[in-house]
Amino acid sequence: MATHFVIDGLKAAIEGKEILKGINLEIKGGEIHAIMGPNGTGKSTLASALMGHPKYEVTEGSAFLDGEDLLEMGVDERARAGLFLAMQYPSEIPGVTNSDFLRSAINARREEGSEISLIKFIRQMEGKMKALEMNPEFAHRYLNEGFSGGEKKRNEILQMTLLDPKIVVLDEIDSGLDIDALKIVSKGVNEMRSEDRGFLIITHYQRLLNYITPDFVHVMMQGRIVKSGGPELAERLENEGYDWVKEELGIVDETVGQA
């Protein structure tokens, strides 16, 4: 059965201040959805709330992945259910090598007794790293420690390809990437596209969508999705900015205080 992800009326707050004010979104397997919007409209809050970041309190609404209620799950359970978040600012974890982290993450999603063998894991990891043009030495370095911005983003895509999730949320994965790294990261995403997987891409820029063509583009303002369309919507936003959307919808203050 193809992947099906439904967000219905999702509201979330931080320290009592409502940031998300009712997000409705449906993503089916094989689809790529892009969310764009000015700074401070709640885009990154949506990603964090879906993943279960304790800083964000979901106050209303639901999020179901293949019929399972994500909001009733812990962060680790959401990951095992097939939700993956590539963060804008990946954390550094000194003392834990990249390879140890990745193998542990893969095995955490498997039943006891069916863990991936070391040999199989190494073969898979080396193949994926080669495709992403990553130096093999990165497998033995501490997770993200001393990595450049582009290296961290490639590492996030490496995690995605090895974990094989159902729903991938990319939170400004293009931030800080030069054009060569952007092409490589985009290639990794495009090669993962299938009916068993859907994507939610949060971005400010059309340039990422030049390499990853979305099926749907959504504009987020004031903690809500206020307009949706096809790839042509992203092109118009790139050329004309957001003022025409605000004017069309009568929006005065587009910010809600969080990214």
C-alpha atoms as a PDB file:
ATOM      1  CA  MET A   1       0.000   0.000   0.000  1.00  0.00           C
ATOM      2  CA  ALA A   2       1.333   3.426  -0.947  1.00  0.00           C
ATOM      3  CA  THR A   3       2.331   5.784   1.840  1.00  0.00           C
ATOM      4  CA  HIS A   4      -0.346   8.177   3.096  1.00  0.00           C
ATOM      5  CA  PHE A   5       0.350  11.082   5.479  1.00  0.00           C
ATOM      6  CA  VAL A   6      -2.438  13.354   6.705  1.00  0.00           C
ATOM      7  CA  ILE A   7      -2.099  16.467   8.872  1.00  0.00           C
ATOM      8  CA  ASP A   8      -5.462  17.822  10.015  1.00  0.00           C
ATOM      9  CA  GLY A   9      -5.990  21.105  11.861  1.00  0.00           C
ATOM     10  CA  LEU A  10      -2.566  21.008  13.516  1.00  0.00           C
ATOM     11  CA  LYS A  11      -1.952  23.750  16.058  1.00  0.00           C
ATOM     12  CA  ALA A  12       1.214  24.141  18.110  1.00  0.00           C
ATOM     13  CA  ALA A  13       2.563  26.607  20.650  1.00  0.00           C
ATOM     14  CA  ILE A  14       5.858  27.493  22.261  1.00  0.00           C
ATOM     15  CA  GLU A  15       5.822  28.828  25.825  1.00  0.00           C
ATOM     16  CA  GLY A  16       2.110  29.432  25.492  1.00  0.00           C
ATOM     17  CA  LYS A  17       2.346  31.401  22.231  1.00  0.00           C
ATOM     18  CA  GLU A  18       0.472  29.806  19.349  1.00  0.00           C
ATOM     19  CA  ILE A  19       2.687  29.420  16.279  1.00  0.00           C
ATOM     20  CA  LEU A  20       0.825  26.928  14.099  1.00  0.00           C
ATOM     21  CA  LYS A  21      -2.800  27.955  13.732  1.00  0.00           C
ATOM     22  CA  GLY A  22      -4.355  25.042  11.899  1.00  0.00           C
ATOM     23  CA  ILE A  23      -2.228  23.222   9.301  1.00  0.00           C
ATOM     24  CA  ASN A  24      -4.021  20.927   6.853  1.00  0.00           C
ATOM     25  CA  LEU A  25      -1.904  18.865   4.478  1.00  0.00           C
ATOM     26  CA  GLU A  26      -2.109  15.498   2.746  1.00  0.00           C
ATOM     27  CA  ILE A  27       0.957  13.795   1.243  1.00  0.00           C
ATOM     28  CA  LYS A  28       0.705  10.573  -0.727  1.00  0.00           C
ATOM     29  CA  GLY A  29       3.529   8.254  -1.683  1.00  0.00           C
ATOM     30  CA  GLY A  30       5.397   9.477  -4.743  1.00  0.00           C
ATOM     31  CA  GLU A  31       4.523  13.129  -4.097  1.00  0.00           C
ATOM     32  CA  ILE A  32       6.869  15.999  -3.314  1.00  0.00           C
ATOM     33  CA  HIS A  33       5.332  18.960  -1.492  1.00  0.00           C
ATOM     34  CA  ALA A  34       7.229  22.209  -0.960  1.00  0.00           C
ATOM     35  CA  ILE A  35       6.372  24.773   1.705  1.00  0.00           C
ATOM     36  CA  MET A  36       7.588  28.329   1.176  1.00  0.00           C
ATOM     37  CA  GLY A  37       6.965  31.521   3.087  1.00  0.00           C
ATOM     38  CA  PRO A  38       8.588  34.542   4.700  1.00  0.00           C
ATOM     39  CA  ASN A  39      10.729  34.197   7.814  1.00  0.00           C
ATOM     40  CA  GLY A  40       8.816  33.781  11.044  1.00  0.00           C
ATOM     41  CA  THR A  41       5.704  32.111   9.638  1.00  0.00           C
ATOM     42  CA  GLY A  42       6.078  28.731  11.376  1.00  0.00           C
ATOM     43  CA  LYS A  43       7.664  26.534   8.688  1.00  0.00           C
ATOM     44  CA  SER A  44      10.406  25.055  10.869  1.00  0.00           C
ATOM     45  CA  THR A  45       7.981  24.866  13.780  1.00  0.00           C
ATOM     46  CA  LEU A  46       5.855  22.529  11.688  1.00  0.00           C
ATOM     47  CA  ALA A  47       8.837  20.230  11.081  1.00  0.00           C
ATOM     48  CA  SER A  48       9.814  20.189  14.757  1.00  0.00           C
ATOM     49  CA  ALA A  49       6.267  19.664  15.998  1.00  0.00           C
ATOM     50  CA  LEU A  50       5.774  16.707  13.650  1.00  0.00           C
ATOM     51  CA  MET A  51       8.981  15.099  14.888  1.00  0.00           C
ATOM     52  CA  GLY A  52       8.002  15.616  18.527  1.00  0.00           C
ATOM     53  CA  HIS A  53      10.457  18.279  19.698  1.00  0.00           C
ATOM     54  CA  PRO A  54       9.612  18.863  23.395  1.00  0.00           C
ATOM     55  CA  LYS A  55       9.896  22.636  22.968  1.00  0.00           C
ATOM     56  CA  TYR A  56       6.718  22.646  20.881  1.00  0.00           C
ATOM     57  CA  GLU A  57       3.340  21.786  22.391  1.00  0.00           C
ATOM     58  CA  VAL A  58       0.730  20.456  19.987  1.00  0.00           C
ATOM     59  CA  THR A  59      -2.528  21.918  21.266  1.00  0.00           C
ATOM     60  CA  GLU A  60      -4.970  20.682  18.646  1.00  0.00           C
ATOM     61  CA  GLY A  61      -5.236  18.578  15.492  1.00  0.00           C
ATOM     62  CA  SER A  62      -3.819  15.271  14.312  1.00  0.00           C
ATOM     63  CA  ALA A  63      -1.105  13.722  12.156  1.00  0.00           C
ATOM     64  CA  PHE A  64      -1.540  10.181  10.839  1.00  0.00           C
ATOM     65  CA  LEU A  65       1.024   8.169   8.901  1.00  0.00           C
ATOM     66  CA  ASP A  66      -0.471   5.110   7.239  1.00  0.00           C
ATOM     67  CA  GLY A  67      -3.247   5.139   9.804  1.00  0.00           C
ATOM     68  CA  GLU A  68      -0.946   5.461  12.836  1.00  0.00           C
ATOM     69  CA  ASP A  69      -1.337   8.444  15.159  1.00  0.00           C
ATOM     70  CA  LEU A  70       2.091  10.084  15.251  1.00  0.00           C
ATOM     71  CA  LEU A  71       1.153  12.518  17.999  1.00  0.00           C
ATOM     72  CA  GLU A  72       0.641   9.640  20.426  1.00  0.00           C
ATOM     73  CA  MET A  73       4.203   8.454  19.820  1.00  0.00           C
ATOM     74  CA  GLY A  74       7.553   9.435  21.267  1.00  0.00           C
ATOM     75  CA  VAL A  75      10.288  10.819  19.007  1.00  0.00           C
ATOM     76  CA  ASP A  76      11.955   7.420  18.596  1.00  0.00           C
ATOM     77  CA  GLU A  77       8.618   5.767  17.813  1.00  0.00           C
ATOM     78  CA  ARG A  78       7.882   8.352  15.124  1.00  0.00           C
ATOM     79  CA  ALA A  79      11.236   7.607  13.525  1.00  0.00           C
ATOM     80  CA  ARG A  80      10.560   3.862  13.634  1.00  0.00           C
ATOM     81  CA  ALA A  81       7.121   4.466  12.100  1.00  0.00           C
ATOM     82  CA  GLY A  82       8.883   5.997   9.079  1.00  0.00           C
ATOM     83  CA  LEU A  83       9.099   9.750   9.715  1.00  0.00           C
ATOM     84  CA  PHE A  84      12.464  11.349   8.968  1.00  0.00           C
ATOM     85  CA  LEU A  85      13.570  14.940   9.557  1.00  0.00           C
ATOM     86  CA  ALA A  86      16.653  16.430   7.925  1.00  0.00           C
ATOM     87  CA  MET A  87      17.303  19.459  10.090  1.00  0.00           C
ATOM     88  CA  GLN A  88      18.413  22.913   9.075  1.00  0.00           C
ATOM     89  CA  TYR A  89      21.168  22.808  11.724  1.00  0.00           C
ATOM     90  CA  PRO A  90      22.176  19.165  12.362  1.00  0.00           C
ATOM     91  CA  SER A  91      23.586  18.498  15.829  1.00  0.00           C
ATOM     92  CA  GLU A  92      27.167  17.491  16.529  1.00  0.00           C
ATOM     93  CA  ILE A  93      27.624  14.401  18.716  1.00  0.00           C
ATOM     94  CA  PRO A  94      31.221  14.049  19.944  1.00  0.00           C
ATOM     95  CA  GLY A  95      32.315  10.511  20.788  1.00  0.00           C
ATOM     96  CA  VAL A  96      29.869   8.784  18.428  1.00  0.00           C
ATOM     97  CA  THR A  97      31.195   7.927  14.978  1.00  0.00           C
ATOM     98  CA  ASN A  98      29.060   8.450  11.927  1.00  0.00           C
ATOM     99  CA  SER A  99      29.064   4.732  11.101  1.00  0.00           C
ATOM    100  CA  ASP A 100      28.127   3.656  14.651  1.00  0.00           C
ATOM    101  CA  PHE A 101      25.278   6.164  14.715  1.00  0.00           C
ATOM    102  CA  LEU A 102      23.929   5.064  11.339  1.00  0.00           C
ATOM    103  CA  ARG A 103      24.087   1.348  12.089  1.00  0.00           C
ATOM    104  CA  SER A 104      22.380   1.870  15.461  1.00  0.00           C
ATOM    105  CA  ALA A 105      19.654   3.937  13.798  1.00  0.00           C
ATOM    106  CA  ILE A 106      19.023   1.234  11.201  1.00  0.00           C
ATOM    107  CA  ASN A 107      18.886  -1.528  13.810  1.00  0.00           C
ATOM    108  CA  ALA A 108      16.548   0.517  16.014  1.00  0.00           C
ATOM    109  CA  ARG A 109      13.933   0.203  13.267  1.00  0.00           C
ATOM    110  CA  ARG A 110      14.366  -3.570  12.961  1.00  0.00           C
ATOM    111  CA  GLU A 111      12.913  -6.395  15.004  1.00  0.00           C
ATOM    112  CA  GLU A 112      15.182  -8.019  17.565  1.00  0.00           C
ATOM    113  CA  GLY A 113      17.174 -10.760  15.885  1.00  0.00           C
ATOM    114  CA  SER A 114      16.975  -9.166  12.429  1.00  0.00           C
ATOM    115  CA  GLU A 115      19.684  -6.522  12.880  1.00  0.00           C
ATOM    116  CA  ILE A 116      21.734  -5.629   9.823  1.00  0.00           C
ATOM    117  CA  SER A 117      25.080  -7.417   9.696  1.00  0.00           C
ATOM    118  CA  LEU A 118      28.257  -5.370   9.874  1.00  0.00           C
ATOM    119  CA  ILE A 119      29.389  -6.517   6.432  1.00  0.00           C
ATOM    120  CA  LYS A 120      26.072  -5.657   4.772  1.00  0.00           C
ATOM    121  CA  PHE A 121      25.929  -2.304   6.532  1.00  0.00           C
ATOM    122  CA  ILE A 122      29.454  -1.345   5.452  1.00  0.00           C
ATOM    123  CA  ARG A 123      28.681  -2.240   1.837  1.00  0.00           C
ATOM    124  CA  GLN A 124      25.490  -0.192   1.848  1.00  0.00           C
ATOM    125  CA  MET A 125      27.079   2.785   3.574  1.00  0.00           C
ATOM    126  CA  GLU A 126      30.108   2.839   1.281  1.00  0.00           C
ATOM    127  CA  GLY A 127      27.882   2.680  -1.812  1.00  0.00           C
ATOM    128  CA  LYS A 128      25.662   5.524  -0.622  1.00  0.00           C
ATOM    129  CA  MET A 129      28.647   7.658   0.384  1.00  0.00           C
ATOM    130  CA  LYS A 130      30.202   7.174  -3.024  1.00  0.00           C
ATOM    131  CA  ALA A 131      26.974   8.288  -4.721  1.00  0.00           C
ATOM    132  CA  LEU A 132      26.950  11.410  -2.536  1.00  0.00           C
ATOM    133  CA  GLU A 133      30.634  12.044  -3.280  1.00  0.00           C
ATOM    134  CA  MET A 134      31.512  11.852   0.414  1.00  0.00           C
ATOM    135  CA  ASN A 135      35.027  11.135   1.604  1.00  0.00           C
ATOM    136  CA  PRO A 136      35.081   7.581   3.080  1.00  0.00           C
ATOM    137  CA  GLU A 137      36.890   8.978   6.122  1.00  0.00           C
ATOM    138  CA  PHE A 138      33.646  10.646   7.224  1.00  0.00           C
ATOM    139  CA  ALA A 139      32.328   7.234   8.264  1.00  0.00           C
ATOM    140  CA  HIS A 140      34.842   7.155  11.111  1.00  0.00           C
ATOM    141  CA  ARG A 141      34.577  10.761  12.240  1.00  0.00           C
ATOM    142  CA  TYR A 142      32.362  11.832  15.118  1.00  0.00           C
ATOM    143  CA  LEU A 143      28.846  12.667  13.972  1.00  0.00           C
ATOM    144  CA  ASN A 144      28.863  16.104  12.313  1.00  0.00           C
ATOM    145  CA  GLU A 145      31.799  17.262  14.470  1.00  0.00           C
ATOM    146  CA  GLY A 146      33.948  19.602  12.398  1.00  0.00           C
ATOM    147  CA  PHE A 147      31.766  19.068   9.328  1.00  0.00           C
ATOM    148  CA  SER A 148      31.129  22.048   7.074  1.00  0.00           C
ATOM    149  CA  GLY A 149      27.534  23.073   6.421  1.00  0.00           C
ATOM    150  CA  GLY A 150      27.515  21.241   3.107  1.00  0.00           C
ATOM    151  CA  GLU A 151      29.049  18.121   4.639  1.00  0.00           C
ATOM    152  CA  LYS A 152      26.380  18.068   7.331  1.00  0.00           C
ATOM    153  CA  LYS A 153      23.639  18.296   4.712  1.00  0.00           C
ATOM    154  CA  ARG A 154      25.128  15.458   2.662  1.00  0.00           C
ATOM    155  CA  ASN A 155      25.317  13.456   5.856  1.00  0.00           C
ATOM    156  CA  GLU A 156      21.611  14.053   6.447  1.00  0.00           C
ATOM    157  CA  ILE A 157      20.859  12.715   2.971  1.00  0.00           C
ATOM    158  CA  LEU A 158      23.120   9.728   3.682  1.00  0.00           C
ATOM    159  CA  GLN A 159      21.039   9.002   6.782  1.00  0.00           C
ATOM    160  CA  MET A 160      17.852   9.295   4.734  1.00  0.00           C
ATOM    161  CA  THR A 161      19.004   6.865   2.054  1.00  0.00           C
ATOM    162  CA  LEU A 162      20.111   4.268   4.611  1.00  0.00           C
ATOM    163  CA  LEU A 163      17.049   4.541   6.875  1.00  0.00           C
ATOM    164  CA  ASP A 164      14.560   4.286   3.978  1.00  0.00           C
ATOM    165  CA  PRO A 165      11.739   6.328   5.618  1.00  0.00           C
ATOM    166  CA  LYS A 166       8.135   6.712   4.471  1.00  0.00           C
ATOM    167  CA  ILE A 167       7.856  10.479   4.926  1.00  0.00           C
ATOM    168  CA  VAL A 168      10.877  12.753   4.593  1.00  0.00           C
ATOM    169  CA  VAL A 169      10.783  16.299   5.954  1.00  0.00           C
ATOM    170  CA  LEU A 170      13.649  18.426   4.641  1.00  0.00           C
ATOM    171  CA  ASP A 171      13.939  21.635   6.649  1.00  0.00           C
ATOM    172  CA  GLU A 172      15.931  24.115   4.518  1.00  0.00           C
ATOM    173  CA  ILE A 173      18.296  21.383   3.374  1.00  0.00           C
ATOM    174  CA  ASP A 174      19.636  23.824   0.752  1.00  0.00           C
ATOM    175  CA  SER A 175      20.777  26.370   3.328  1.00  0.00           C
ATOM    176  CA  GLY A 176      24.501  27.074   2.971  1.00  0.00           C
ATOM    177  CA  LEU A 177      25.053  24.750   0.008  1.00  0.00           C
ATOM    178  CA  ASP A 178      27.129  25.725  -2.994  1.00  0.00           C
ATOM    179  CA  ILE A 179      25.798  24.767  -6.415  1.00  0.00           C
ATOM    180  CA  ASP A 180      27.771  21.503  -6.651  1.00  0.00           C
ATOM    181  CA  ALA A 181      26.632  20.301  -3.231  1.00  0.00           C
ATOM    182  CA  LEU A 182      23.072  21.354  -4.049  1.00  0.00           C
ATOM    183  CA  LYS A 183      23.093  19.187  -7.172  1.00  0.00           C
ATOM    184  CA  ILE A 184      24.435  16.176  -5.279  1.00  0.00           C
ATOM    185  CA  VAL A 185      21.911  16.527  -2.435  1.00  0.00           C
ATOM    186  CA  SER A 186      19.078  16.974  -4.945  1.00  0.00           C
ATOM    187  CA  LYS A 187      20.182  13.871  -6.834  1.00  0.00           C
ATOM    188  CA  GLY A 188      20.021  11.884  -3.594  1.00  0.00           C
ATOM    189  CA  VAL A 189      16.455  13.062  -2.997  1.00  0.00           C
ATOM    190  CA  ASN A 190      15.316  12.399  -6.568  1.00  0.00           C
ATOM    191  CA  GLU A 191      16.703   8.873  -6.501  1.00  0.00           C
ATOM    192  CA  MET A 192      14.673   8.149  -3.350  1.00  0.00           C
ATOM    193  CA  ARG A 193      11.375   9.168  -4.901  1.00  0.00           C
ATOM    194  CA  SER A 194       8.878   6.269  -4.999  1.00  0.00           C
ATOM    195  CA  GLU A 195       5.265   5.368  -4.254  1.00  0.00           C
ATOM    196  CA  ASP A 196       6.426   4.178  -0.843  1.00  0.00           C
ATOM    197  CA  ARG A 197       7.764   7.587   0.111  1.00  0.00           C
ATOM    198  CA  GLY A 198       6.545  11.179   0.238  1.00  0.00           C
ATOM    199  CA  PHE A 199       8.519  14.382   0.750  1.00  0.00           C
ATOM    200  CA  LEU A 200       7.812  17.660   2.509  1.00  0.00           C
ATOM    201  CA  ILE A 201      10.452  20.231   1.552  1.00  0.00           C
ATOM    202  CA  ILE A 202      10.695  23.481   3.502  1.00  0.00           C
ATOM    203  CA  THR A 203      12.657  26.104   1.615  1.00  0.00           C
ATOM    204  CA  HIS A 204      13.006  29.814   0.984  1.00  0.00           C
ATOM    205  CA  TYR A 205      14.390  29.532  -2.497  1.00  0.00           C
ATOM    206  CA  GLN A 206      13.354  28.455  -5.967  1.00  0.00           C
ATOM    207  CA  ARG A 207      16.904  27.259  -6.690  1.00  0.00           C
ATOM    208  CA  LEU A 208      16.375  23.973  -4.816  1.00  0.00           C
ATOM    209  CA  LEU A 209      13.156  23.392  -6.734  1.00  0.00           C
ATOM    210  CA  ASN A 210      15.079  23.768  -9.986  1.00  0.00           C
ATOM    211  CA  TYR A 211      16.628  20.392  -9.167  1.00  0.00           C
ATOM    212  CA  ILE A 212      13.805  18.771  -7.184  1.00  0.00           C
ATOM    213  CA  THR A 213      10.553  19.390  -9.028  1.00  0.00           C
ATOM    214  CA  PRO A 214       7.633  19.491  -6.568  1.00  0.00           C
ATOM    215  CA  ASP A 215       4.144  18.260  -7.349  1.00  0.00           C
ATOM    216  CA  PHE A 216       2.636  20.849  -5.031  1.00  0.00           C
ATOM    217  CA  VAL A 217       3.836  24.172  -3.629  1.00  0.00           C
ATOM    218  CA  HIS A 218       2.247  25.689  -0.523  1.00  0.00           C
ATOM    219  CA  VAL A 219       2.641  29.211   0.835  1.00  0.00           C
ATOM    220  CA  MET A 220       2.683  29.499   4.610  1.00  0.00           C
ATOM    221  CA  MET A 221       1.832  32.731   6.421  1.00  0.00           C
ATOM    222  CA  GLN A 222       0.608  33.495   9.933  1.00  0.00           C
ATOM    223  CA  GLY A 223       0.945  29.859  10.936  1.00  0.00           C
ATOM    224  CA  ARG A 224      -1.333  28.590   8.170  1.00  0.00           C
ATOM    225  CA  ILE A 225      -1.093  27.357   4.608  1.00  0.00           C
ATOM    226  CA  VAL A 226      -2.771  30.192   2.751  1.00  0.00           C
ATOM    227  CA  LYS A 227      -2.201  29.253  -0.885  1.00  0.00           C
ATOM    228  CA  SER A 228      -1.332  26.124  -2.863  1.00  0.00           C
ATOM    229  CA  GLY A 229      -0.435  25.408  -6.461  1.00  0.00           C
ATOM    230  CA  GLY A 230       2.034  23.674  -8.749  1.00  0.00           C
ATOM    231  CA  PRO A 231       5.706  24.396  -9.510  1.00  0.00           C
ATOM    232  CA  GLU A 232       4.709  27.605 -11.251  1.00  0.00           C
ATOM    233  CA  LEU A 233       3.715  29.067  -7.878  1.00  0.00           C
ATOM    234  CA  ALA A 234       7.313  28.781  -6.628  1.00  0.00           C
ATOM    235  CA  GLU A 235       8.566  30.493  -9.786  1.00  0.00           C
ATOM    236  CA  ARG A 236       6.190  33.401  -9.286  1.00  0.00           C
ATOM    237  CA  LEU A 237       7.248  33.746  -5.641  1.00  0.00           C
ATOM    238  CA  GLU A 238      10.879  33.824  -6.732  1.00  0.00           C
ATOM    239  CA  ASN A 239      10.169  36.538  -9.296  1.00  0.00           C
ATOM    240  CA  GLU A 240       7.658  38.662  -7.393  1.00  0.00           C
ATOM    241  CA  GLY A 241       8.138  37.907  -3.689  1.00  0.00           C
ATOM    242  CA  TYR A 242       5.254  37.471  -1.251  1.00  0.00           C
ATOM    243  CA  ASP A 243       3.598  40.886  -1.401  1.00  0.00           C
ATOM    244  CA  TRP A 244       1.152  39.819  -4.106  1.00  0.00           C
ATOM    245  CA  VAL A 245       0.006  36.888  -1.956  1.00  0.00           C
ATOM    246  CA  LYS A 246      -0.525  39.162   1.054  1.00  0.00           C
ATOM    247  CA  GLU A 247      -2.396  41.668  -1.079  1.00  0.00           C
ATOM    248  CA  GLU A 248      -4.525  38.981  -2.695  1.00  0.00           C
ATOM    249  CA  LEU A 249      -5.490  37.487   0.676  1.00  0.00           C
ATOM    250  CA  GLY A 250      -5.627  40.727   2.662  1.00  0.00           C
ATOM    251  CA  ILE A 251      -2.785  39.696   4.994  1.00  0.00           C
ATOM    252  CA  VAL A 252      -1.280  42.572   6.977  1.00  0.00           C
ATOM    253  CA  ASP A 253       1.209  40.967   9.383  1.00  0.00           C
ATOM    254  CA  GLU A 254       2.637  37.755   7.970  1.00  0.00           C
ATOM    255  CA  THR A 255       4.881  36.780  10.904  1.00  0.00           C
ATOM    256  CA  VAL A 256       4.045  34.724  13.982  1.00  0.00           C
ATOM    257  CA  GLY A 257       7.452  34.948  15.635  1.00  0.00           C
ATOM    258  CA  GLN A 258       9.040  31.604  14.716  1.00  0.00           C
ATOM    259  CA  ALA A 259      10.643  30.168  11.610  1.00  0.00           C
END
